[in-house]
Amino acid sequence: MAKIYPENIFQNDQIPLSEKQVLQFLSHLPDSYHIFHSVKWNAKAKSGESDILILNPHKGFIVLEVKGGRIMRDSAGQWV
């Protein structure tokens, strides 16, 4: 199983359920994978954070942005 960082992520009530569900799914990757939650990639800026970083030292990395909830259009035709 993949290693999840931080280890106590599933006990944190402030983490959105959608992110926990993706992390749970990713935890079944092989041992060579390392999964990081909430990685800041620009410490000097006020923004610049990825929800999930998947790292494999032999294959590279993938950065994920996780969204939960529903997708719909409002009365003005805008996606929300």
N, C-alpha and C. Protein backbone atom coordinates (compact mmCIF):
# COMPACT_ATOMS: atom_id res chain seq x y z
N MET A 1 0.83 -1.19 0.00
CA MET A 1 0.00 0.00 0.00
C MET A 1 0.87 1.25 0.00
N ALA A 2 0.37 2.28 -0.62
CA ALA A 2 1.08 3.55 -0.68
C ALA A 2 1.17 4.19 0.70
N LYS A 3 2.16 5.01 0.90
CA LYS A 3 2.35 5.73 2.16
C LYS A 3 1.67 7.09 2.03
N ILE A 4 0.79 7.42 2.99
CA ILE A 4 0.05 8.68 2.99
C ILE A 4 0.68 9.64 3.99
N TYR A 5 0.87 10.89 3.59
CA TYR A 5 1.41 11.93 4.46
C TYR A 5 0.43 13.10 4.50
N PRO A 6 0.08 13.65 5.65
CA PRO A 6 0.42 13.14 6.97
C PRO A 6 -0.36 11.87 7.29
N GLU A 7 0.20 11.09 8.17
CA GLU A 7 -0.38 9.78 8.48
C GLU A 7 -1.76 9.85 9.11
N ASN A 8 -2.04 10.90 9.85
CA ASN A 8 -3.32 11.01 10.57
C ASN A 8 -4.39 11.77 9.78
N ILE A 9 -4.26 11.81 8.48
CA ILE A 9 -5.15 12.59 7.62
C ILE A 9 -6.62 12.19 7.78
N PHE A 10 -6.90 10.93 7.99
CA PHE A 10 -8.29 10.46 8.05
C PHE A 10 -8.97 10.82 9.37
N GLN A 11 -8.21 11.22 10.37
CA GLN A 11 -8.78 11.64 11.64
C GLN A 11 -9.05 13.15 11.69
N ASN A 12 -8.60 13.88 10.68
CA ASN A 12 -8.76 15.32 10.65
C ASN A 12 -10.14 15.68 10.10
N ASP A 13 -10.98 16.25 10.95
CA ASP A 13 -12.35 16.59 10.56
C ASP A 13 -12.43 17.80 9.63
N GLN A 14 -11.34 18.53 9.45
CA GLN A 14 -11.36 19.72 8.60
C GLN A 14 -11.03 19.41 7.14
N ILE A 15 -10.67 18.18 6.86
CA ILE A 15 -10.36 17.77 5.49
C ILE A 15 -11.68 17.40 4.80
N PRO A 16 -11.96 17.96 3.62
CA PRO A 16 -13.20 17.62 2.92
C PRO A 16 -13.32 16.12 2.64
N LEU A 17 -14.55 15.63 2.70
CA LEU A 17 -14.82 14.21 2.46
C LEU A 17 -14.35 13.81 1.06
N SER A 18 -14.52 14.67 0.08
CA SER A 18 -14.10 14.34 -1.29
C SER A 18 -12.60 14.04 -1.35
N GLU A 19 -11.79 14.81 -0.63
CA GLU A 19 -10.35 14.58 -0.61
C GLU A 19 -10.02 13.29 0.15
N LYS A 20 -10.72 13.03 1.23
CA LYS A 20 -10.49 11.79 1.98
C LYS A 20 -10.83 10.57 1.12
N GLN A 21 -11.89 10.66 0.33
CA GLN A 21 -12.28 9.54 -0.53
C GLN A 21 -11.22 9.26 -1.58
N VAL A 22 -10.66 10.31 -2.17
CA VAL A 22 -9.61 10.13 -3.18
C VAL A 22 -8.35 9.55 -2.51
N LEU A 23 -8.00 10.06 -1.34
CA LEU A 23 -6.83 9.55 -0.61
C LEU A 23 -7.01 8.07 -0.26
N GLN A 24 -8.20 7.69 0.15
CA GLN A 24 -8.47 6.29 0.48
C GLN A 24 -8.28 5.41 -0.75
N PHE A 25 -8.79 5.85 -1.88
CA PHE A 25 -8.63 5.10 -3.13
C PHE A 25 -7.14 4.98 -3.50
N LEU A 26 -6.40 6.09 -3.39
CA LEU A 26 -4.99 6.10 -3.76
C LEU A 26 -4.12 5.30 -2.80
N SER A 27 -4.58 5.09 -1.59
CA SER A 27 -3.78 4.34 -0.61
C SER A 27 -3.55 2.90 -1.06
N HIS A 28 -4.33 2.42 -2.02
CA HIS A 28 -4.19 1.05 -2.51
C HIS A 28 -3.14 0.91 -3.61
N LEU A 29 -2.49 2.02 -3.96
CA LEU A 29 -1.38 1.93 -4.92
C LEU A 29 -0.24 1.13 -4.30
N PRO A 30 0.69 0.63 -5.10
CA PRO A 30 1.81 -0.16 -4.56
C PRO A 30 2.68 0.64 -3.58
N ASP A 31 3.51 -0.07 -2.83
CA ASP A 31 4.37 0.51 -1.80
C ASP A 31 5.31 1.59 -2.32
N SER A 32 5.65 1.58 -3.58
CA SER A 32 6.60 2.55 -4.12
C SER A 32 6.00 3.95 -4.27
N TYR A 33 4.71 4.10 -4.02
CA TYR A 33 4.04 5.40 -4.15
C TYR A 33 3.96 6.10 -2.80
N HIS A 34 4.13 7.42 -2.85
CA HIS A 34 4.00 8.28 -1.68
C HIS A 34 2.95 9.33 -2.02
N ILE A 35 1.94 9.47 -1.15
CA ILE A 35 0.83 10.37 -1.40
C ILE A 35 0.87 11.48 -0.35
N PHE A 36 0.94 12.73 -0.80
CA PHE A 36 1.02 13.88 0.09
C PHE A 36 -0.25 14.71 -0.03
N HIS A 37 -0.79 15.12 1.11
CA HIS A 37 -1.99 15.96 1.11
C HIS A 37 -1.62 17.41 1.41
N SER A 38 -2.25 18.33 0.69
CA SER A 38 -2.13 19.77 0.91
C SER A 38 -0.68 20.24 0.86
N VAL A 39 -0.10 20.15 -0.32
CA VAL A 39 1.30 20.53 -0.53
C VAL A 39 1.36 21.96 -1.06
N LYS A 40 2.05 22.83 -0.35
CA LYS A 40 2.26 24.19 -0.81
C LYS A 40 3.40 24.20 -1.81
N TRP A 41 3.18 24.77 -3.00
CA TRP A 41 4.21 24.78 -4.01
C TRP A 41 4.75 26.17 -4.26
N ASN A 42 4.22 27.16 -3.57
CA ASN A 42 4.76 28.52 -3.66
C ASN A 42 4.63 29.15 -2.28
N ALA A 43 5.63 28.99 -1.45
CA ALA A 43 5.57 29.44 -0.06
C ALA A 43 5.49 30.96 0.05
N LYS A 44 5.97 31.70 -0.93
CA LYS A 44 5.97 33.16 -0.86
C LYS A 44 4.62 33.77 -1.25
N ALA A 45 3.85 33.07 -2.04
CA ALA A 45 2.55 33.59 -2.48
C ALA A 45 1.47 33.21 -1.47
N LYS A 46 0.36 33.94 -1.52
CA LYS A 46 -0.75 33.63 -0.61
C LYS A 46 -1.50 32.39 -1.06
N SER A 47 -1.37 32.05 -2.33
CA SER A 47 -1.99 30.83 -2.83
C SER A 47 -0.90 29.97 -3.44
N GLY A 48 -1.26 28.81 -3.86
CA GLY A 48 -0.29 27.91 -4.45
C GLY A 48 -0.21 26.63 -3.65
N GLU A 49 -1.32 25.91 -3.62
CA GLU A 49 -1.40 24.68 -2.85
C GLU A 49 -2.11 23.64 -3.70
N SER A 50 -1.59 22.43 -3.67
CA SER A 50 -2.26 21.34 -4.38
C SER A 50 -2.93 20.44 -3.35
N ASP A 51 -4.07 19.88 -3.72
CA ASP A 51 -4.78 19.00 -2.79
C ASP A 51 -4.00 17.72 -2.56
N ILE A 52 -3.53 17.11 -3.63
CA ILE A 52 -2.86 15.82 -3.51
C ILE A 52 -1.69 15.75 -4.48
N LEU A 53 -0.57 15.28 -3.98
CA LEU A 53 0.62 15.03 -4.80
C LEU A 53 0.92 13.54 -4.73
N ILE A 54 0.97 12.88 -5.88
CA ILE A 54 1.29 11.46 -5.96
C ILE A 54 2.72 11.35 -6.49
N LEU A 55 3.58 10.72 -5.73
CA LEU A 55 4.99 10.64 -6.10
C LEU A 55 5.44 9.18 -6.17
N ASN A 56 6.11 8.86 -7.27
CA ASN A 56 6.76 7.57 -7.41
C ASN A 56 8.18 7.87 -7.88
N PRO A 57 9.20 7.48 -7.12
CA PRO A 57 10.57 7.86 -7.46
C PRO A 57 11.04 7.35 -8.82
N HIS A 58 10.38 6.36 -9.38
CA HIS A 58 10.79 5.80 -10.67
C HIS A 58 9.94 6.30 -11.84
N LYS A 59 8.75 6.81 -11.52
CA LYS A 59 7.82 7.20 -12.59
C LYS A 59 7.53 8.69 -12.63
N GLY A 60 7.81 9.43 -11.55
CA GLY A 60 7.54 10.86 -11.52
C GLY A 60 6.42 11.20 -10.56
N PHE A 61 5.73 12.30 -10.85
CA PHE A 61 4.67 12.74 -9.95
C PHE A 61 3.47 13.26 -10.72
N ILE A 62 2.34 13.28 -10.00
CA ILE A 62 1.08 13.83 -10.51
C ILE A 62 0.51 14.71 -9.42
N VAL A 63 0.02 15.87 -9.80
CA VAL A 63 -0.62 16.78 -8.86
C VAL A 63 -2.12 16.78 -9.15
N LEU A 64 -2.93 16.61 -8.10
CA LEU A 64 -4.39 16.56 -8.27
C LEU A 64 -5.06 17.71 -7.53
N GLU A 65 -6.07 18.26 -8.15
CA GLU A 65 -6.98 19.21 -7.50
C GLU A 65 -8.31 18.48 -7.39
N VAL A 66 -8.81 18.31 -6.18
CA VAL A 66 -10.02 17.52 -5.95
C VAL A 66 -11.18 18.47 -5.67
N LYS A 67 -12.27 18.24 -6.35
CA LYS A 67 -13.50 19.01 -6.13
C LYS A 67 -14.61 18.05 -5.73
N GLY A 68 -15.40 18.46 -4.77
CA GLY A 68 -16.54 17.67 -4.34
C GLY A 68 -17.82 18.43 -4.61
N GLY A 69 -18.90 17.83 -4.30
CA GLY A 69 -20.18 18.51 -4.47
C GLY A 69 -20.81 18.22 -5.81
N ARG A 70 -21.68 19.14 -6.23
CA ARG A 70 -22.42 18.95 -7.47
C ARG A 70 -22.02 20.00 -8.49
N ILE A 71 -22.22 19.69 -9.73
CA ILE A 71 -22.00 20.63 -10.82
C ILE A 71 -23.35 20.94 -11.43
N MET A 72 -23.64 22.25 -11.59
CA MET A 72 -24.92 22.65 -12.17
C MET A 72 -24.77 24.03 -12.81
N ARG A 73 -25.81 24.46 -13.50
CA ARG A 73 -25.83 25.79 -14.09
C ARG A 73 -26.86 26.62 -13.35
N ASP A 74 -26.51 27.89 -13.08
CA ASP A 74 -27.46 28.77 -12.41
C ASP A 74 -28.42 29.37 -13.43
N SER A 75 -29.32 30.25 -12.97
CA SER A 75 -30.34 30.81 -13.85
C SER A 75 -29.76 31.68 -14.97
N ALA A 76 -28.53 32.18 -14.80
CA ALA A 76 -27.87 32.98 -15.82
C ALA A 76 -27.06 32.11 -16.79
N GLY A 77 -27.09 30.80 -16.60
CA GLY A 77 -26.38 29.90 -17.49
C GLY A 77 -24.92 29.69 -17.12
N GLN A 78 -24.51 30.17 -15.95
CA GLN A 78 -23.14 30.01 -15.49
C GLN A 78 -22.98 28.68 -14.74
N TRP A 79 -21.84 28.02 -14.97
CA TRP A 79 -21.57 26.77 -14.25
C TRP A 79 -21.16 27.09 -12.82
N VAL A 80 -21.73 26.35 -11.89
CA VAL A 80 -21.38 26.50 -10.47
C VAL A 80 -21.15 25.14 -9.85
